[in-house]
Amino acid sequence: MDFFEALWNDLKSIGGEEIALGDQPITTLNLIVWSLFIVFVIGIGVTIYNKFVLGAVVRGLIEREAFTEEGAVTASEIGCANIFVRFALRDSGSMRRIVCMVGDTEAEKKKAPFDTARFYIPDEQVHRAEIIYGKAGANAISVLLSVLAFLIVVFISFTVIPDLIQMLTNFIASITPQSNIL
């Protein structure tokens, strides 16, 4: 059966049929593998976003030594003035725990437009920022190698495991009291 045809049949079966492990083990295996693959792709997307989008902001601030309000820079000065950075640096964004905006203190909550807002990383957050968004960790080659490794696992799952399941099923079916196998 063609790989994509098997995938299409698996996706169609999700809609109406009840899937139980044991009744249709190969179809269930396909669904599990594809579910893991989707989660894997989402995880890679989040990793790429954190590493290359948010990491670029942090690395830019560290390179410009923006550690105080006086040394703060705008997102456009570090080359990161895009919609993703704007979203990450909103008031309720998780990145704002590390990256601060000038005038963003409890005493004075000044709202500046994103284009003119100046950002910095406080001294006490620099180490944390380097750990979370720094150069260490995933790069493009490791992401590609991870995808390749997972595709190999998927290929093995669709070619070898169904044969092993069939062999095990045949073996169990051949065990009878008369066969003296056990």
C-alpha atoms as a PDB file:
ATOM      1  CA  MET A   1       0.000   0.000   0.000  1.00  0.00           C
ATOM      2  CA  ASP A   2       1.317   3.436  -0.852  1.00  0.00           C
ATOM      3  CA  PHE A   3       2.601   5.470   2.098  1.00  0.00           C
ATOM      4  CA  PHE A   4       0.311   8.459   1.479  1.00  0.00           C
ATOM      5  CA  GLU A   5      -2.681   6.234   0.825  1.00  0.00           C
ATOM      6  CA  ALA A   6      -2.104   4.552   4.193  1.00  0.00           C
ATOM      7  CA  LEU A   7      -1.834   7.960   5.844  1.00  0.00           C
ATOM      8  CA  TRP A   8      -5.058   9.107   4.165  1.00  0.00           C
ATOM      9  CA  ASN A   9      -6.885   5.952   5.288  1.00  0.00           C
ATOM     10  CA  ASP A  10      -5.631   6.467   8.841  1.00  0.00           C
ATOM     11  CA  LEU A  11      -6.820  10.058   8.897  1.00  0.00           C
ATOM     12  CA  LYS A  12     -10.219   9.058   7.500  1.00  0.00           C
ATOM     13  CA  SER A  13     -10.589   6.396  10.178  1.00  0.00           C
ATOM     14  CA  ILE A  14     -10.186   8.998  12.927  1.00  0.00           C
ATOM     15  CA  GLY A  15     -13.424  10.657  11.888  1.00  0.00           C
ATOM     16  CA  GLY A  16     -15.938   7.872  12.446  1.00  0.00           C
ATOM     17  CA  GLU A  17     -14.506   4.534  13.463  1.00  0.00           C
ATOM     18  CA  GLU A  18     -13.579   3.604  16.990  1.00  0.00           C
ATOM     19  CA  ILE A  19      -9.894   2.751  17.141  1.00  0.00           C
ATOM     20  CA  ALA A  20      -8.757   0.226  19.706  1.00  0.00           C
ATOM     21  CA  LEU A  21      -5.300  -1.153  20.262  1.00  0.00           C
ATOM     22  CA  GLY A  22      -5.466  -4.823  19.321  1.00  0.00           C
ATOM     23  CA  ASP A  23      -8.390  -4.647  16.896  1.00  0.00           C
ATOM     24  CA  GLN A  24      -6.369  -2.740  14.309  1.00  0.00           C
ATOM     25  CA  PRO A  25      -2.791  -2.665  15.588  1.00  0.00           C
ATOM     26  CA  ILE A  26      -1.196  -1.418  12.365  1.00  0.00           C
ATOM     27  CA  THR A  27      -3.669   1.427  11.953  1.00  0.00           C
ATOM     28  CA  THR A  28      -3.262   2.308  15.623  1.00  0.00           C
ATOM     29  CA  LEU A  29       0.508   2.287  15.205  1.00  0.00           C
ATOM     30  CA  ASN A  30       0.211   4.638  12.228  1.00  0.00           C
ATOM     31  CA  LEU A  31      -1.955   7.026  14.227  1.00  0.00           C
ATOM     32  CA  ILE A  32       0.474   6.994  17.137  1.00  0.00           C
ATOM     33  CA  VAL A  33       3.459   7.614  14.872  1.00  0.00           C
ATOM     34  CA  TRP A  34       1.737  10.459  13.010  1.00  0.00           C
ATOM     35  CA  SER A  35       0.578  12.022  16.269  1.00  0.00           C
ATOM     36  CA  LEU A  36       4.135  11.917  17.576  1.00  0.00           C
ATOM     37  CA  PHE A  37       5.374  13.397  14.313  1.00  0.00           C
ATOM     38  CA  ILE A  38       2.910  16.310  14.565  1.00  0.00           C
ATOM     39  CA  VAL A  39       4.000  16.986  18.158  1.00  0.00           C
ATOM     40  CA  PHE A  40       7.623  16.735  17.040  1.00  0.00           C
ATOM     41  CA  VAL A  41       7.069  19.291  14.261  1.00  0.00           C
ATOM     42  CA  ILE A  42       5.318  21.665  16.678  1.00  0.00           C
ATOM     43  CA  GLY A  43       8.231  21.271  19.093  1.00  0.00           C
ATOM     44  CA  ILE A  44      10.726  22.061  16.357  1.00  0.00           C
ATOM     45  CA  GLY A  45       8.681  25.131  15.427  1.00  0.00           C
ATOM     46  CA  VAL A  46       8.754  26.383  19.018  1.00  0.00           C
ATOM     47  CA  THR A  47      12.487  25.675  19.240  1.00  0.00           C
ATOM     48  CA  ILE A  48      13.177  27.584  16.031  1.00  0.00           C
ATOM     49  CA  TYR A  49      11.014  30.490  17.220  1.00  0.00           C
ATOM     50  CA  ASN A  50      12.808  30.655  20.572  1.00  0.00           C
ATOM     51  CA  LYS A  51      16.266  30.190  19.128  1.00  0.00           C
ATOM     52  CA  PHE A  52      16.193  32.334  16.033  1.00  0.00           C
ATOM     53  CA  VAL A  53      13.488  34.967  16.671  1.00  0.00           C
ATOM     54  CA  LEU A  54      13.598  35.593  20.401  1.00  0.00           C
ATOM     55  CA  GLY A  55      17.259  34.626  20.624  1.00  0.00           C
ATOM     56  CA  ALA A  56      18.117  37.286  18.037  1.00  0.00           C
ATOM     57  CA  VAL A  57      16.583  39.954  20.294  1.00  0.00           C
ATOM     58  CA  VAL A  58      18.498  38.789  23.353  1.00  0.00           C
ATOM     59  CA  ARG A  59      21.782  38.384  21.461  1.00  0.00           C
ATOM     60  CA  GLY A  60      21.302  41.838  19.913  1.00  0.00           C
ATOM     61  CA  LEU A  61      20.729  43.429  23.311  1.00  0.00           C
ATOM     62  CA  ILE A  62      23.750  41.643  24.788  1.00  0.00           C
ATOM     63  CA  GLU A  63      25.984  42.615  21.838  1.00  0.00           C
ATOM     64  CA  ARG A  64      24.915  46.267  22.230  1.00  0.00           C
ATOM     65  CA  GLU A  65      25.487  45.927  25.998  1.00  0.00           C
ATOM     66  CA  ALA A  66      21.961  47.161  26.728  1.00  0.00           C
ATOM     67  CA  PHE A  67      22.019  46.310  30.437  1.00  0.00           C
ATOM     68  CA  THR A  68      20.630  49.579  31.831  1.00  0.00           C
ATOM     69  CA  GLU A  69      17.937  52.085  30.916  1.00  0.00           C
ATOM     70  CA  GLU A  70      20.651  54.463  29.691  1.00  0.00           C
ATOM     71  CA  GLY A  71      22.036  51.843  27.292  1.00  0.00           C
ATOM     72  CA  ALA A  72      18.627  50.645  26.067  1.00  0.00           C
ATOM     73  CA  VAL A  73      18.031  50.296  22.318  1.00  0.00           C
ATOM     74  CA  THR A  74      14.998  49.954  20.080  1.00  0.00           C
ATOM     75  CA  ALA A  75      14.080  46.713  18.348  1.00  0.00           C
ATOM     76  CA  SER A  76      14.845  48.260  14.958  1.00  0.00           C
ATOM     77  CA  GLU A  77      18.370  49.213  16.117  1.00  0.00           C
ATOM     78  CA  ILE A  78      19.165  45.537  16.706  1.00  0.00           C
ATOM     79  CA  GLY A  79      17.407  44.491  13.492  1.00  0.00           C
ATOM     80  CA  CYS A  80      14.500  42.723  15.134  1.00  0.00           C
ATOM     81  CA  ALA A  81      11.482  44.931  14.472  1.00  0.00           C
ATOM     82  CA  ASN A  82       9.027  42.319  13.186  1.00  0.00           C
ATOM     83  CA  ILE A  83       5.586  41.094  14.179  1.00  0.00           C
ATOM     84  CA  PHE A  84       6.943  38.102  16.132  1.00  0.00           C
ATOM     85  CA  VAL A  85       9.202  40.282  18.271  1.00  0.00           C
ATOM     86  CA  ARG A  86       6.382  42.781  18.782  1.00  0.00           C
ATOM     87  CA  PHE A  87       4.199  39.904  20.011  1.00  0.00           C
ATOM     88  CA  ALA A  88       6.909  38.524  22.321  1.00  0.00           C
ATOM     89  CA  LEU A  89       7.658  41.941  23.841  1.00  0.00           C
ATOM     90  CA  ARG A  90       4.060  42.876  24.623  1.00  0.00           C
ATOM     91  CA  ASP A  91       3.295  43.795  28.246  1.00  0.00           C
ATOM     92  CA  SER A  92       2.027  40.334  29.196  1.00  0.00           C
ATOM     93  CA  GLY A  93       4.630  38.402  27.174  1.00  0.00           C
ATOM     94  CA  SER A  94       6.863  35.879  28.908  1.00  0.00           C
ATOM     95  CA  MET A  95       9.938  37.478  27.382  1.00  0.00           C
ATOM     96  CA  ARG A  96       9.199  40.676  29.307  1.00  0.00           C
ATOM     97  CA  ARG A  97      10.332  38.856  32.456  1.00  0.00           C
ATOM     98  CA  ILE A  98      13.837  39.052  31.011  1.00  0.00           C
ATOM     99  CA  VAL A  99      13.735  42.005  28.621  1.00  0.00           C
ATOM    100  CA  CYS A 100      12.564  45.269  30.152  1.00  0.00           C
ATOM    101  CA  MET A 101      11.360  48.479  28.550  1.00  0.00           C
ATOM    102  CA  VAL A 102      12.574  51.919  29.589  1.00  0.00           C
ATOM    103  CA  GLY A 103      10.046  53.382  32.025  1.00  0.00           C
ATOM    104  CA  ASP A 104       8.668  49.937  32.800  1.00  0.00           C
ATOM    105  CA  THR A 105       8.938  50.218  36.566  1.00  0.00           C
ATOM    106  CA  GLU A 106       6.261  49.897  39.207  1.00  0.00           C
ATOM    107  CA  ALA A 107       6.477  53.626  39.967  1.00  0.00           C
ATOM    108  CA  GLU A 108       5.895  54.745  36.387  1.00  0.00           C
ATOM    109  CA  LYS A 109       4.115  52.504  33.911  1.00  0.00           C
ATOM    110  CA  LYS A 110       4.817  54.400  30.721  1.00  0.00           C
ATOM    111  CA  LYS A 111       3.416  52.907  27.531  1.00  0.00           C
ATOM    112  CA  ALA A 112       5.532  53.685  24.497  1.00  0.00           C
ATOM    113  CA  PRO A 113       4.735  52.632  20.947  1.00  0.00           C
ATOM    114  CA  PHE A 114       6.748  49.588  19.881  1.00  0.00           C
ATOM    115  CA  ASP A 115       8.601  51.523  17.177  1.00  0.00           C
ATOM    116  CA  THR A 116      10.081  53.970  19.695  1.00  0.00           C
ATOM    117  CA  ALA A 117      10.205  51.748  22.789  1.00  0.00           C
ATOM    118  CA  ARG A 118      13.693  51.130  24.120  1.00  0.00           C
ATOM    119  CA  PHE A 119      14.563  47.739  25.590  1.00  0.00           C
ATOM    120  CA  TYR A 120      17.317  46.409  27.812  1.00  0.00           C
ATOM    121  CA  ILE A 121      18.209  43.353  29.879  1.00  0.00           C
ATOM    122  CA  PRO A 122      18.844  44.131  33.562  1.00  0.00           C
ATOM    123  CA  ASP A 123      22.221  42.955  34.876  1.00  0.00           C
ATOM    124  CA  GLU A 124      20.617  40.353  37.127  1.00  0.00           C
ATOM    125  CA  GLN A 125      18.800  38.789  34.119  1.00  0.00           C
ATOM    126  CA  VAL A 126      21.739  38.639  31.666  1.00  0.00           C
ATOM    127  CA  HIS A 127      22.902  35.177  32.722  1.00  0.00           C
ATOM    128  CA  ARG A 128      19.347  33.796  32.579  1.00  0.00           C
ATOM    129  CA  ALA A 129      18.828  35.355  29.141  1.00  0.00           C
ATOM    130  CA  GLU A 130      22.052  33.795  27.833  1.00  0.00           C
ATOM    131  CA  ILE A 131      21.024  30.379  29.145  1.00  0.00           C
ATOM    132  CA  ILE A 132      17.507  30.479  27.692  1.00  0.00           C
ATOM    133  CA  TYR A 133      18.084  32.302  24.405  1.00  0.00           C
ATOM    134  CA  GLY A 134      21.870  32.203  23.960  1.00  0.00           C
ATOM    135  CA  LYS A 135      24.011  30.618  21.291  1.00  0.00           C
ATOM    136  CA  ALA A 136      24.199  27.196  22.917  1.00  0.00           C
ATOM    137  CA  GLY A 137      21.525  24.704  22.044  1.00  0.00           C
ATOM    138  CA  ALA A 138      19.739  23.936  18.812  1.00  0.00           C
ATOM    139  CA  ASN A 139      21.080  25.120  15.494  1.00  0.00           C
ATOM    140  CA  ALA A 140      19.899  24.500  11.953  1.00  0.00           C
ATOM    141  CA  ILE A 141      22.026  21.363  11.509  1.00  0.00           C
ATOM    142  CA  SER A 142      20.802  19.741  14.729  1.00  0.00           C
ATOM    143  CA  VAL A 143      17.193  20.517  13.774  1.00  0.00           C
ATOM    144  CA  LEU A 144      17.679  18.917  10.343  1.00  0.00           C
ATOM    145  CA  LEU A 145      19.390  15.881  11.872  1.00  0.00           C
ATOM    146  CA  SER A 146      16.514  15.513  14.340  1.00  0.00           C
ATOM    147  CA  VAL A 147      13.949  15.600  11.541  1.00  0.00           C
ATOM    148  CA  LEU A 148      15.974  13.063   9.548  1.00  0.00           C
ATOM    149  CA  ALA A 149      16.255  10.738  12.568  1.00  0.00           C
ATOM    150  CA  PHE A 150      12.527  10.949  13.197  1.00  0.00           C
ATOM    151  CA  LEU A 151      11.747  10.238   9.537  1.00  0.00           C
ATOM    152  CA  ILE A 152      13.936   7.121   9.771  1.00  0.00           C
ATOM    153  CA  VAL A 153      11.936   6.012  12.813  1.00  0.00           C
ATOM    154  CA  VAL A 154       8.702   6.650  10.881  1.00  0.00           C
ATOM    155  CA  PHE A 155       9.985   4.632   7.921  1.00  0.00           C
ATOM    156  CA  ILE A 156      10.948   1.732  10.190  1.00  0.00           C
ATOM    157  CA  SER A 157       7.587   1.947  11.936  1.00  0.00           C
ATOM    158  CA  PHE A 158       5.730   1.624   8.648  1.00  0.00           C
ATOM    159  CA  THR A 159       7.909  -1.077   7.083  1.00  0.00           C
ATOM    160  CA  VAL A 160       9.408  -3.318   9.779  1.00  0.00           C
ATOM    161  CA  ILE A 161       6.964  -3.201  12.697  1.00  0.00           C
ATOM    162  CA  PRO A 162       3.873  -4.356  10.731  1.00  0.00           C
ATOM    163  CA  ASP A 163       5.849  -7.398   9.572  1.00  0.00           C
ATOM    164  CA  LEU A 164       6.962  -8.115  13.143  1.00  0.00           C
ATOM    165  CA  ILE A 165       3.374  -7.817  14.362  1.00  0.00           C
ATOM    166  CA  GLN A 166       2.231 -10.234  11.641  1.00  0.00           C
ATOM    167  CA  MET A 167       5.000 -12.708  12.528  1.00  0.00           C
ATOM    168  CA  LEU A 168       4.040 -12.546  16.206  1.00  0.00           C
ATOM    169  CA  THR A 169       0.359 -13.010  15.335  1.00  0.00           C
ATOM    170  CA  ASN A 170       1.194 -16.052  13.186  1.00  0.00           C
ATOM    171  CA  PHE A 171       3.364 -17.507  15.955  1.00  0.00           C
ATOM    172  CA  ILE A 172       0.670 -17.065  18.597  1.00  0.00           C
ATOM    173  CA  ALA A 173      -1.950 -18.559  16.264  1.00  0.00           C
ATOM    174  CA  SER A 174       0.247 -21.603  15.675  1.00  0.00           C
ATOM    175  CA  ILE A 175       0.584 -22.367  19.390  1.00  0.00           C
ATOM    176  CA  THR A 176      -1.870 -25.092  20.241  1.00  0.00           C
ATOM    177  CA  PRO A 177      -1.726 -27.863  22.816  1.00  0.00           C
ATOM    178  CA  GLN A 178      -0.978 -30.322  19.982  1.00  0.00           C
ATOM    179  CA  SER A 179       1.962 -28.332  18.571  1.00  0.00           C
ATOM    180  CA  ASN A 180       4.248 -29.049  21.593  1.00  0.00           C
ATOM    181  CA  ILE A 181       5.978 -25.700  21.058  1.00  0.00           C
ATOM    182  CA  LEU A 182       5.761 -24.804  24.724  1.00  0.00           C
END
